[in-house]
Each structure stands twice: as structure tokens, then as C-alpha cells.
Amino acid sequence: MPRPPSDRPARIADASLEIIATSGLHALTHRTIDARLGFPAGTTSYYARTRAELVNRALTALIERFDEATLDFPIDEITTDEQAVTAVTTVTAVLTSQVTDQIARYVLLIDLRDDPELHPLINATSRVQQRVTTLVADLLEQVGIPDPKVHALGLTALIDGLVLAKLAGGSPVSIEDAIRVYWAGLPRS
């Protein structure tokens, strides 16, 4: 009888993201993952031979999660500025609640900035980030904002900054107020 597929690769990816988020990329080793998951020594090495493979697994898991999240965002029903502000505020709050994934993302963005293979998978030119920017541009266009692609870049940067401010220091800034102020400054057609 064939063995069922192991959930170990997914658990290793999850543990990698937790370690990156709590202790930094430098703390990511095969041993720390084995210890965190209670695996016998060497188990993680079976699934990811090198540290680069560990980082790649963590990054791939993060990208898959963000891919899934962007697929579920319904903008078709949003037709007013108020609905759009509410939607953007809600999405930003949800991102802020994904503490491990978001902190790991920021750590990877910074620590992989000189890695020509991995950094393009997560930076502003990545497929996921381009999808988010396109989604935001579609939302802006839907409510009548001119030059939606240009303004989508600013709005995604604002969202990213708000998430970072909340996670890095518990910033007292109101997500909704910041988005409302930004939104009010957008040009109208």
C-alpha cells in the first residue's frame, strides 16, 4: 500500500516563516526547524538540502498564500468611494492581522534585496505584487479615479506602510483615517 503524502514540506515551510518572523533570516537553519517541529535531527535536510532551498520553500509558501488571498477579493460590487474606502481599510486590517506572514515578508524583502534569484519573487516587480497593483488599479478605475495605474502604486505603498507601521511599533495611526485622507486627495474625472 502506498504511503500517504507527507505534510512535512508544508510544516517545514510554515516553521521557516515563523522562524524568519520571530528571529530573522539568519536564524533559519535545518536544526532550528527540526527542533521547532520536534523532528529527529536531519529530517528537514531530507526535504530541503540547502539553506537556500529552505528560504525558497518559505518564500514559495508565502507567495502561494498571497496568491490565494488576492483571488478572493471581490471588487465587482464596489461602486462608490465609501465602499472602496471600507474595502481597502478592511483589507489593510486583515493584512495587519497576518503578523507572521507580513513580518516574514518584510524580513525577506530586506534580507534578500541582493539576491538576484529570490528578491524578484517578492519585490514590487513580482507577479504577486503586480497582481495586487492591478487589482487596486481596477478598483480605482471602477469608482472613477483617472490614471488608476499611477494611483494604484501610491495606494499600495500606503497600505504597505500602514501594515509595517502597525506591525513594527503598534503605530497609533488609524488605518481608516489614513486611507480616507489619501482617498480624498485622489483626483476625480
N, C-alpha and C. Protein backbone atom coordinates (compact mmCIF):
# COMPACT_ATOMS: atom_id res chain seq x y z
N MET A 1 0.84 -1.17 0.00
CA MET A 1 0.00 0.00 0.00
C MET A 1 0.90 1.25 0.00
N PRO A 2 0.64 2.21 -0.91
CA PRO A 2 1.50 3.40 -0.95
C PRO A 2 1.31 4.27 0.29
N ARG A 3 2.39 4.92 0.65
CA ARG A 3 2.34 5.81 1.81
C ARG A 3 1.60 7.09 1.44
N PRO A 4 0.81 7.62 2.36
CA PRO A 4 0.14 8.89 2.08
C PRO A 4 1.18 10.01 1.97
N PRO A 5 0.86 11.04 1.20
CA PRO A 5 1.83 12.13 1.09
C PRO A 5 2.08 12.78 2.46
N SER A 6 3.31 13.15 2.67
CA SER A 6 3.69 13.75 3.94
C SER A 6 3.29 15.22 3.98
N ASP A 7 2.89 15.67 5.15
CA ASP A 7 2.61 17.10 5.32
C ASP A 7 3.87 17.82 5.81
N ARG A 8 4.97 17.10 5.87
CA ARG A 8 6.20 17.70 6.38
C ARG A 8 6.69 18.89 5.55
N PRO A 9 6.66 18.84 4.22
CA PRO A 9 7.11 20.02 3.47
C PRO A 9 6.32 21.29 3.83
N ALA A 10 5.03 21.17 3.98
CA ALA A 10 4.21 22.34 4.35
C ALA A 10 4.54 22.79 5.77
N ARG A 11 4.73 21.84 6.67
CA ARG A 11 5.08 22.19 8.05
C ARG A 11 6.45 22.85 8.11
N ILE A 12 7.37 22.38 7.29
CA ILE A 12 8.71 22.99 7.24
C ILE A 12 8.61 24.43 6.72
N ALA A 13 7.82 24.64 5.70
CA ALA A 13 7.64 26.00 5.16
C ALA A 13 7.02 26.91 6.21
N ASP A 14 5.99 26.42 6.90
CA ASP A 14 5.34 27.22 7.95
C ASP A 14 6.32 27.56 9.07
N ALA A 15 7.07 26.55 9.51
CA ALA A 15 8.05 26.78 10.58
C ALA A 15 9.13 27.75 10.12
N SER A 16 9.52 27.66 8.86
CA SER A 16 10.53 28.59 8.32
C SER A 16 10.03 30.02 8.41
N LEU A 17 8.77 30.24 8.02
CA LEU A 17 8.21 31.59 8.09
C LEU A 17 8.12 32.08 9.54
N GLU A 18 7.77 31.19 10.45
CA GLU A 18 7.71 31.57 11.87
C GLU A 18 9.08 31.97 12.39
N ILE A 19 10.09 31.20 12.04
CA ILE A 19 11.46 31.49 12.49
C ILE A 19 11.93 32.81 11.89
N ILE A 20 11.69 33.01 10.60
CA ILE A 20 12.09 34.26 9.96
C ILE A 20 11.40 35.45 10.63
N ALA A 21 10.11 35.30 10.92
CA ALA A 21 9.34 36.41 11.51
C ALA A 21 9.75 36.70 12.95
N THR A 22 10.10 35.68 13.70
CA THR A 22 10.41 35.89 15.12
C THR A 22 11.89 36.12 15.40
N SER A 23 12.76 35.52 14.58
CA SER A 23 14.20 35.58 14.89
C SER A 23 15.06 36.10 13.75
N GLY A 24 14.47 36.32 12.60
CA GLY A 24 15.23 36.83 11.45
C GLY A 24 15.71 35.72 10.54
N LEU A 25 16.07 36.10 9.35
CA LEU A 25 16.51 35.12 8.35
C LEU A 25 17.78 34.40 8.77
N HIS A 26 18.65 35.09 9.49
CA HIS A 26 19.90 34.47 9.94
C HIS A 26 19.66 33.27 10.85
N ALA A 27 18.52 33.22 11.52
CA ALA A 27 18.21 32.13 12.45
C ALA A 27 17.64 30.90 11.75
N LEU A 28 17.37 31.01 10.46
CA LEU A 28 16.77 29.89 9.73
C LEU A 28 17.83 28.84 9.41
N THR A 29 17.75 27.72 10.11
CA THR A 29 18.66 26.60 9.86
C THR A 29 17.84 25.31 9.89
N HIS A 30 18.43 24.27 9.36
CA HIS A 30 17.77 22.97 9.40
C HIS A 30 17.54 22.52 10.84
N ARG A 31 18.52 22.77 11.68
CA ARG A 31 18.41 22.37 13.09
C ARG A 31 17.28 23.10 13.81
N THR A 32 17.16 24.41 13.56
CA THR A 32 16.10 25.15 14.26
C THR A 32 14.72 24.67 13.82
N ILE A 33 14.60 24.30 12.57
CA ILE A 33 13.30 23.78 12.10
C ILE A 33 13.03 22.41 12.72
N ASP A 34 14.03 21.53 12.68
CA ASP A 34 13.86 20.21 13.31
C ASP A 34 13.45 20.37 14.77
N ALA A 35 14.12 21.26 15.49
CA ALA A 35 13.82 21.47 16.91
C ALA A 35 12.41 22.03 17.09
N ARG A 36 12.04 23.02 16.29
CA ARG A 36 10.72 23.65 16.43
C ARG A 36 9.61 22.66 16.17
N LEU A 37 9.82 21.77 15.19
CA LEU A 37 8.78 20.82 14.81
C LEU A 37 8.87 19.49 15.56
N GLY A 38 9.91 19.34 16.37
CA GLY A 38 10.07 18.08 17.11
C GLY A 38 10.47 16.93 16.20
N PHE A 39 11.11 17.25 15.09
CA PHE A 39 11.57 16.22 14.16
C PHE A 39 12.91 15.67 14.63
N PRO A 40 13.21 14.42 14.29
CA PRO A 40 14.56 13.91 14.54
C PRO A 40 15.57 14.75 13.75
N ALA A 41 16.76 14.90 14.30
CA ALA A 41 17.81 15.67 13.63
C ALA A 41 18.02 15.14 12.21
N GLY A 42 18.09 16.05 11.26
CA GLY A 42 18.32 15.68 9.87
C GLY A 42 17.07 15.56 9.03
N THR A 43 15.90 15.58 9.66
CA THR A 43 14.65 15.42 8.91
C THR A 43 14.46 16.54 7.91
N THR A 44 14.66 17.77 8.33
CA THR A 44 14.46 18.90 7.43
C THR A 44 15.42 18.83 6.25
N SER A 45 16.64 18.36 6.49
CA SER A 45 17.63 18.24 5.41
C SER A 45 17.17 17.28 4.32
N TYR A 46 16.34 16.32 4.67
CA TYR A 46 15.81 15.39 3.67
C TYR A 46 14.92 16.14 2.67
N TYR A 47 14.16 17.11 3.16
CA TYR A 47 13.21 17.83 2.32
C TYR A 47 13.80 19.07 1.66
N ALA A 48 14.81 19.64 2.28
CA ALA A 48 15.48 20.82 1.73
C ALA A 48 16.96 20.69 2.05
N ARG A 49 17.72 20.32 1.06
CA ARG A 49 19.14 20.02 1.29
C ARG A 49 19.96 21.23 1.73
N THR A 50 19.65 22.38 1.18
CA THR A 50 20.46 23.56 1.47
C THR A 50 19.61 24.64 2.16
N ARG A 51 20.30 25.60 2.73
CA ARG A 51 19.61 26.73 3.35
C ARG A 51 18.85 27.52 2.28
N ALA A 52 19.43 27.63 1.10
CA ALA A 52 18.75 28.33 0.00
C ALA A 52 17.43 27.65 -0.33
N GLU A 53 17.40 26.33 -0.27
CA GLU A 53 16.14 25.61 -0.52
C GLU A 53 15.13 25.90 0.59
N LEU A 54 15.60 26.03 1.82
CA LEU A 54 14.70 26.39 2.93
C LEU A 54 14.07 27.77 2.69
N VAL A 55 14.91 28.71 2.32
CA VAL A 55 14.43 30.07 2.06
C VAL A 55 13.44 30.04 0.90
N ASN A 56 13.78 29.29 -0.13
CA ASN A 56 12.91 29.19 -1.30
C ASN A 56 11.56 28.58 -0.93
N ARG A 57 11.56 27.55 -0.10
CA ARG A 57 10.30 26.93 0.36
C ARG A 57 9.44 27.94 1.13
N ALA A 58 10.09 28.68 2.02
CA ALA A 58 9.36 29.68 2.81
C ALA A 58 8.77 30.75 1.89
N LEU A 59 9.57 31.22 0.96
CA LEU A 59 9.12 32.25 0.03
C LEU A 59 7.99 31.74 -0.85
N THR A 60 8.11 30.51 -1.32
CA THR A 60 7.05 29.91 -2.14
C THR A 60 5.75 29.80 -1.37
N ALA A 61 5.83 29.37 -0.12
CA ALA A 61 4.62 29.27 0.71
C ALA A 61 3.98 30.64 0.91
N LEU A 62 4.80 31.64 1.15
CA LEU A 62 4.29 33.00 1.33
C LEU A 62 3.61 33.50 0.06
N ILE A 63 4.23 33.28 -1.07
CA ILE A 63 3.65 33.69 -2.36
C ILE A 63 2.33 32.99 -2.61
N GLU A 64 2.28 31.70 -2.33
CA GLU A 64 1.03 30.95 -2.52
C GLU A 64 -0.10 31.51 -1.64
N ARG A 65 0.22 31.86 -0.42
CA ARG A 65 -0.80 32.43 0.48
C ARG A 65 -1.30 33.77 -0.04
N PHE A 66 -0.39 34.61 -0.50
CA PHE A 66 -0.80 35.91 -1.03
C PHE A 66 -1.58 35.75 -2.32
N ASP A 67 -1.18 34.77 -3.14
CA ASP A 67 -1.92 34.48 -4.38
C ASP A 67 -3.37 34.12 -4.05
N GLU A 68 -3.54 33.22 -3.10
CA GLU A 68 -4.89 32.79 -2.71
C GLU A 68 -5.71 33.97 -2.18
N ALA A 69 -5.08 34.82 -1.40
CA ALA A 69 -5.80 35.95 -0.81
C ALA A 69 -6.25 36.94 -1.87
N THR A 70 -5.42 37.18 -2.88
CA THR A 70 -5.82 38.16 -3.90
C THR A 70 -6.89 37.61 -4.83
N LEU A 71 -6.98 36.31 -4.95
CA LEU A 71 -8.01 35.72 -5.80
C LEU A 71 -9.40 35.88 -5.21
N ASP A 72 -9.48 36.01 -3.90
CA ASP A 72 -10.76 36.07 -3.20
C ASP A 72 -11.28 37.48 -2.97
N PHE A 73 -10.65 38.47 -3.58
CA PHE A 73 -11.06 39.85 -3.31
C PHE A 73 -12.09 40.30 -4.34
N PRO A 74 -13.37 40.42 -3.94
CA PRO A 74 -14.43 40.78 -4.90
C PRO A 74 -14.58 42.29 -5.05
N ILE A 75 -14.14 42.83 -6.19
CA ILE A 75 -14.29 44.27 -6.38
C ILE A 75 -15.47 44.62 -7.27
N ASP A 76 -16.08 43.61 -7.87
CA ASP A 76 -17.17 43.87 -8.82
C ASP A 76 -18.32 44.66 -8.22
N GLU A 77 -18.59 44.47 -6.95
CA GLU A 77 -19.74 45.10 -6.32
C GLU A 77 -19.42 46.48 -5.74
N ILE A 78 -18.17 46.90 -5.83
CA ILE A 78 -17.77 48.19 -5.25
C ILE A 78 -17.95 49.28 -6.31
N THR A 79 -18.82 50.23 -6.01
CA THR A 79 -19.12 51.28 -6.99
C THR A 79 -19.00 52.70 -6.43
N THR A 80 -18.85 52.83 -5.12
CA THR A 80 -18.77 54.17 -4.53
C THR A 80 -17.45 54.35 -3.79
N ASP A 81 -17.10 55.61 -3.58
CA ASP A 81 -15.89 55.91 -2.80
C ASP A 81 -15.97 55.31 -1.40
N GLU A 82 -17.12 55.42 -0.77
CA GLU A 82 -17.29 54.90 0.59
C GLU A 82 -17.07 53.39 0.63
N GLN A 83 -17.64 52.68 -0.33
CA GLN A 83 -17.43 51.22 -0.39
C GLN A 83 -15.96 50.90 -0.63
N ALA A 84 -15.32 51.68 -1.47
CA ALA A 84 -13.91 51.44 -1.78
C ALA A 84 -13.03 51.68 -0.55
N VAL A 85 -13.28 52.78 0.15
CA VAL A 85 -12.50 53.07 1.37
C VAL A 85 -12.70 51.97 2.40
N THR A 86 -13.94 51.52 2.56
CA THR A 86 -14.23 50.44 3.50
C THR A 86 -13.49 49.16 3.10
N ALA A 87 -13.51 48.84 1.82
CA ALA A 87 -12.83 47.63 1.34
C ALA A 87 -11.33 47.71 1.55
N VAL A 88 -10.72 48.84 1.20
CA VAL A 88 -9.27 49.00 1.36
C VAL A 88 -8.90 48.98 2.85
N THR A 89 -9.71 49.60 3.68
CA THR A 89 -9.47 49.59 5.13
C THR A 89 -9.55 48.16 5.68
N THR A 90 -10.55 47.42 5.23
CA THR A 90 -10.72 46.03 5.69
C THR A 90 -9.54 45.17 5.26
N VAL A 91 -9.14 45.29 4.01
CA VAL A 91 -8.00 44.51 3.51
C VAL A 91 -6.74 44.85 4.30
N THR A 92 -6.52 46.13 4.56
CA THR A 92 -5.34 46.55 5.31
C THR A 92 -5.36 45.98 6.73
N ALA A 93 -6.53 45.99 7.35
CA ALA A 93 -6.66 45.42 8.70
C ALA A 93 -6.39 43.91 8.68
N VAL A 94 -6.88 43.23 7.66
CA VAL A 94 -6.63 41.79 7.53
C VAL A 94 -5.13 41.54 7.37
N LEU A 95 -4.48 42.31 6.52
CA LEU A 95 -3.03 42.15 6.34
C LEU A 95 -2.29 42.38 7.65
N THR A 96 -2.73 43.35 8.41
CA THR A 96 -2.10 43.65 9.70
C THR A 96 -2.28 42.50 10.68
N SER A 97 -3.36 41.75 10.54
CA SER A 97 -3.61 40.63 11.45
C SER A 97 -2.79 39.39 11.09
N GLN A 98 -2.22 39.36 9.90
CA GLN A 98 -1.39 38.22 9.47
C GLN A 98 0.06 38.48 9.88
N VAL A 99 0.26 38.54 11.17
CA VAL A 99 1.52 39.00 11.73
C VAL A 99 2.72 38.20 11.22
N THR A 100 2.69 36.90 11.35
CA THR A 100 3.84 36.08 10.96
C THR A 100 4.16 36.26 9.48
N ASP A 101 3.15 36.13 8.63
CA ASP A 101 3.40 36.24 7.19
C ASP A 101 3.91 37.62 6.81
N GLN A 102 3.33 38.66 7.37
CA GLN A 102 3.74 40.02 7.00
C GLN A 102 5.14 40.34 7.50
N ILE A 103 5.45 39.97 8.73
CA ILE A 103 6.80 40.24 9.23
C ILE A 103 7.82 39.44 8.44
N ALA A 104 7.51 38.18 8.17
CA ALA A 104 8.42 37.37 7.35
C ALA A 104 8.61 38.01 5.98
N ARG A 105 7.54 38.54 5.41
CA ARG A 105 7.63 39.20 4.10
C ARG A 105 8.57 40.40 4.16
N TYR A 106 8.44 41.23 5.19
CA TYR A 106 9.31 42.40 5.30
C TYR A 106 10.77 41.98 5.51
N VAL A 107 10.99 40.98 6.34
CA VAL A 107 12.35 40.49 6.57
C VAL A 107 12.94 39.99 5.25
N LEU A 108 12.17 39.19 4.51
CA LEU A 108 12.66 38.66 3.24
C LEU A 108 12.89 39.77 2.22
N LEU A 109 12.01 40.75 2.17
CA LEU A 109 12.21 41.88 1.25
C LEU A 109 13.55 42.57 1.49
N ILE A 110 13.88 42.75 2.75
CA ILE A 110 15.12 43.45 3.08
C ILE A 110 16.33 42.52 2.95
N ASP A 111 16.25 41.35 3.55
CA ASP A 111 17.41 40.46 3.57
C ASP A 111 17.74 39.84 2.21
N LEU A 112 16.77 39.76 1.33
CA LEU A 112 17.03 39.17 0.01
C LEU A 112 17.25 40.22 -1.07
N ARG A 113 17.38 41.48 -0.69
CA ARG A 113 17.46 42.55 -1.69
C ARG A 113 18.64 42.39 -2.65
N ASP A 114 19.69 41.70 -2.25
CA ASP A 114 20.84 41.50 -3.13
C ASP A 114 20.85 40.12 -3.78
N ASP A 115 19.77 39.37 -3.61
CA ASP A 115 19.67 38.03 -4.20
C ASP A 115 18.95 38.14 -5.55
N PRO A 116 19.68 37.98 -6.65
CA PRO A 116 19.08 38.18 -7.97
C PRO A 116 18.01 37.16 -8.34
N GLU A 117 18.01 36.01 -7.68
CA GLU A 117 17.01 34.99 -7.98
C GLU A 117 15.75 35.13 -7.13
N LEU A 118 15.92 35.35 -5.84
CA LEU A 118 14.77 35.33 -4.93
C LEU A 118 14.09 36.68 -4.75
N HIS A 119 14.85 37.76 -4.74
CA HIS A 119 14.22 39.06 -4.49
C HIS A 119 13.14 39.41 -5.52
N PRO A 120 13.35 39.13 -6.80
CA PRO A 120 12.29 39.43 -7.78
C PRO A 120 10.99 38.66 -7.55
N LEU A 121 11.04 37.61 -6.74
CA LEU A 121 9.82 36.85 -6.45
C LEU A 121 8.94 37.55 -5.42
N ILE A 122 9.48 38.54 -4.72
CA ILE A 122 8.74 39.16 -3.62
C ILE A 122 8.72 40.69 -3.69
N ASN A 123 9.56 41.29 -4.51
CA ASN A 123 9.63 42.76 -4.53
C ASN A 123 8.49 43.38 -5.33
N ALA A 124 8.57 44.67 -5.55
CA ALA A 124 7.49 45.41 -6.21
C ALA A 124 7.23 44.96 -7.64
N THR A 125 8.21 44.30 -8.26
CA THR A 125 8.01 43.83 -9.63
C THR A 125 7.54 42.38 -9.69
N SER A 126 7.34 41.76 -8.54
CA SER A 126 6.94 40.35 -8.50
C SER A 126 5.54 40.15 -9.07
N ARG A 127 5.27 38.95 -9.47
CA ARG A 127 3.96 38.60 -10.02
C ARG A 127 2.85 38.90 -9.03
N VAL A 128 3.05 38.55 -7.77
CA VAL A 128 2.02 38.79 -6.75
C VAL A 128 1.80 40.29 -6.56
N GLN A 129 2.88 41.04 -6.45
CA GLN A 129 2.73 42.49 -6.24
C GLN A 129 2.09 43.14 -7.46
N GLN A 130 2.42 42.65 -8.65
CA GLN A 130 1.79 43.19 -9.86
C GLN A 130 0.30 42.88 -9.87
N ARG A 131 -0.06 41.70 -9.40
CA ARG A 131 -1.48 41.34 -9.33
C ARG A 131 -2.21 42.26 -8.35
N VAL A 132 -1.60 42.53 -7.21
CA VAL A 132 -2.21 43.42 -6.22
C VAL A 132 -2.37 44.82 -6.81
N THR A 133 -1.33 45.32 -7.47
CA THR A 133 -1.39 46.65 -8.06
C THR A 133 -2.47 46.72 -9.14
N THR A 134 -2.60 45.68 -9.93
CA THR A 134 -3.65 45.63 -10.96
C THR A 134 -5.03 45.61 -10.31
N LEU A 135 -5.18 44.85 -9.26
CA LEU A 135 -6.46 44.78 -8.55
C LEU A 135 -6.83 46.16 -7.98
N VAL A 136 -5.87 46.84 -7.39
CA VAL A 136 -6.11 48.18 -6.85
C VAL A 136 -6.43 49.15 -7.98
N ALA A 137 -5.72 49.05 -9.10
CA ALA A 137 -6.00 49.92 -10.25
C ALA A 137 -7.41 49.68 -10.77
N ASP A 138 -7.82 48.42 -10.82
CA ASP A 138 -9.19 48.11 -11.26
C ASP A 138 -10.22 48.72 -10.32
N LEU A 139 -9.95 48.65 -9.03
CA LEU A 139 -10.85 49.24 -8.04
C LEU A 139 -10.94 50.76 -8.25
N LEU A 140 -9.80 51.39 -8.41
CA LEU A 140 -9.78 52.84 -8.62
C LEU A 140 -10.53 53.23 -9.89
N GLU A 141 -10.30 52.47 -10.94
CA GLU A 141 -10.98 52.75 -12.21
C GLU A 141 -12.50 52.58 -12.06
N GLN A 142 -12.87 51.56 -11.33
CA GLN A 142 -14.29 51.25 -11.14
C GLN A 142 -15.05 52.38 -10.45
N VAL A 143 -14.37 53.11 -9.57
CA VAL A 143 -15.05 54.22 -8.89
C VAL A 143 -14.74 55.57 -9.54
N GLY A 144 -14.10 55.53 -10.70
CA GLY A 144 -13.94 56.74 -11.50
C GLY A 144 -12.70 57.58 -11.25
N ILE A 145 -11.64 56.97 -10.72
CA ILE A 145 -10.40 57.71 -10.50
C ILE A 145 -9.58 57.69 -11.79
N PRO A 146 -9.18 58.87 -12.31
CA PRO A 146 -8.36 58.88 -13.52
C PRO A 146 -6.95 58.37 -13.24
N ASP A 147 -6.28 57.91 -14.27
CA ASP A 147 -4.92 57.36 -14.14
C ASP A 147 -4.83 56.32 -13.03
N PRO A 148 -5.70 55.32 -13.05
CA PRO A 148 -5.75 54.37 -11.93
C PRO A 148 -4.45 53.60 -11.72
N LYS A 149 -3.70 53.33 -12.78
CA LYS A 149 -2.45 52.57 -12.61
C LYS A 149 -1.43 53.38 -11.81
N VAL A 150 -1.37 54.67 -12.08
CA VAL A 150 -0.44 55.54 -11.36
C VAL A 150 -0.84 55.63 -9.88
N HIS A 151 -2.12 55.84 -9.63
CA HIS A 151 -2.57 56.00 -8.25
C HIS A 151 -2.59 54.67 -7.49
N ALA A 152 -2.68 53.57 -8.21
CA ALA A 152 -2.62 52.26 -7.56
C ALA A 152 -1.27 52.04 -6.90
N LEU A 153 -0.21 52.53 -7.53
CA LEU A 153 1.13 52.40 -6.93
C LEU A 153 1.20 53.14 -5.60
N GLY A 154 0.63 54.34 -5.56
CA GLY A 154 0.64 55.11 -4.32
C GLY A 154 -0.20 54.47 -3.24
N LEU A 155 -1.37 53.97 -3.62
CA LEU A 155 -2.26 53.35 -2.63
C LEU A 155 -1.67 52.05 -2.08
N THR A 156 -1.05 51.25 -2.94
CA THR A 156 -0.44 50.02 -2.43
C THR A 156 0.75 50.35 -1.53
N ALA A 157 1.49 51.40 -1.84
CA ALA A 157 2.59 51.82 -0.97
C ALA A 157 2.05 52.30 0.38
N LEU A 158 0.94 53.02 0.36
CA LEU A 158 0.32 53.47 1.61
C LEU A 158 -0.11 52.27 2.46
N ILE A 159 -0.77 51.31 1.82
CA ILE A 159 -1.21 50.11 2.54
C ILE A 159 -0.01 49.40 3.16
N ASP A 160 1.03 49.23 2.36
CA ASP A 160 2.23 48.55 2.84
C ASP A 160 2.84 49.31 4.02
N GLY A 161 2.89 50.62 3.92
CA GLY A 161 3.43 51.43 5.00
C GLY A 161 2.59 51.36 6.27
N LEU A 162 1.27 51.34 6.11
CA LEU A 162 0.39 51.22 7.28
C LEU A 162 0.56 49.88 7.97
N VAL A 163 0.66 48.82 7.17
CA VAL A 163 0.87 47.48 7.75
C VAL A 163 2.19 47.45 8.50
N LEU A 164 3.24 47.95 7.88
CA LEU A 164 4.55 47.98 8.54
C LEU A 164 4.52 48.81 9.82
N ALA A 165 3.89 49.97 9.77
CA ALA A 165 3.81 50.83 10.96
C ALA A 165 3.09 50.13 12.11
N LYS A 166 2.02 49.43 11.80
CA LYS A 166 1.26 48.71 12.84
C LYS A 166 2.08 47.56 13.41
N LEU A 167 2.73 46.79 12.53
CA LEU A 167 3.46 45.61 13.00
C LEU A 167 4.78 45.96 13.68
N ALA A 168 5.44 46.99 13.21
CA ALA A 168 6.76 47.32 13.74
C ALA A 168 6.70 48.03 15.08
N GLY A 169 5.63 48.77 15.30
CA GLY A 169 5.64 49.51 16.55
C GLY A 169 4.28 49.81 17.11
N GLY A 170 3.26 49.14 16.62
CA GLY A 170 1.92 49.39 17.13
C GLY A 170 1.51 50.83 16.94
N SER A 171 1.83 51.40 15.79
CA SER A 171 1.54 52.80 15.50
C SER A 171 0.10 53.16 15.84
N PRO A 172 -0.08 54.32 16.48
CA PRO A 172 -1.44 54.73 16.85
C PRO A 172 -2.24 55.29 15.67
N VAL A 173 -1.62 55.38 14.50
CA VAL A 173 -2.34 55.93 13.35
C VAL A 173 -3.55 55.06 13.02
N SER A 174 -4.64 55.71 12.71
CA SER A 174 -5.86 54.99 12.32
C SER A 174 -5.74 54.60 10.85
N ILE A 175 -5.84 53.31 10.58
CA ILE A 175 -5.78 52.84 9.20
C ILE A 175 -6.87 53.51 8.38
N GLU A 176 -8.08 53.51 8.91
CA GLU A 176 -9.19 54.09 8.16
C GLU A 176 -8.98 55.58 7.90
N ASP A 177 -8.53 56.32 8.90
CA ASP A 177 -8.31 57.76 8.71
C ASP A 177 -7.24 58.01 7.64
N ALA A 178 -6.15 57.26 7.69
CA ALA A 178 -5.08 57.44 6.71
C ALA A 178 -5.59 57.15 5.30
N ILE A 179 -6.36 56.09 5.15
CA ILE A 179 -6.89 55.74 3.83
C ILE A 179 -7.89 56.79 3.36
N ARG A 180 -8.73 57.27 4.27
CA ARG A 180 -9.70 58.32 3.91
C ARG A 180 -8.99 59.60 3.43
N VAL A 181 -7.95 60.00 4.13
CA VAL A 181 -7.21 61.21 3.74
C VAL A 181 -6.58 61.00 2.37
N TYR A 182 -5.96 59.85 2.16
CA TYR A 182 -5.36 59.57 0.85
C TYR A 182 -6.44 59.59 -0.23
N TRP A 183 -7.53 58.89 0.04
CA TRP A 183 -8.61 58.77 -0.94
C TRP A 183 -9.18 60.14 -1.30
N ALA A 184 -9.35 60.99 -0.29
CA ALA A 184 -9.90 62.33 -0.52
C ALA A 184 -8.99 63.16 -1.44
N GLY A 185 -7.71 62.87 -1.42
CA GLY A 185 -6.76 63.60 -2.26
C GLY A 185 -6.65 63.08 -3.68
N LEU A 186 -7.30 61.97 -3.98
CA LEU A 186 -7.25 61.43 -5.34
C LEU A 186 -8.04 62.33 -6.29
N PRO A 187 -7.54 62.51 -7.50
CA PRO A 187 -8.28 63.33 -8.47
C PRO A 187 -9.54 62.62 -8.93
N ARG A 188 -10.48 63.38 -9.39
CA ARG A 188 -11.73 62.82 -9.92
C ARG A 188 -11.85 63.17 -11.39
N SER A 189 -12.52 62.29 -12.14
CA SER A 189 -12.69 62.59 -13.56
C SER A 189 -13.88 63.49 -13.79
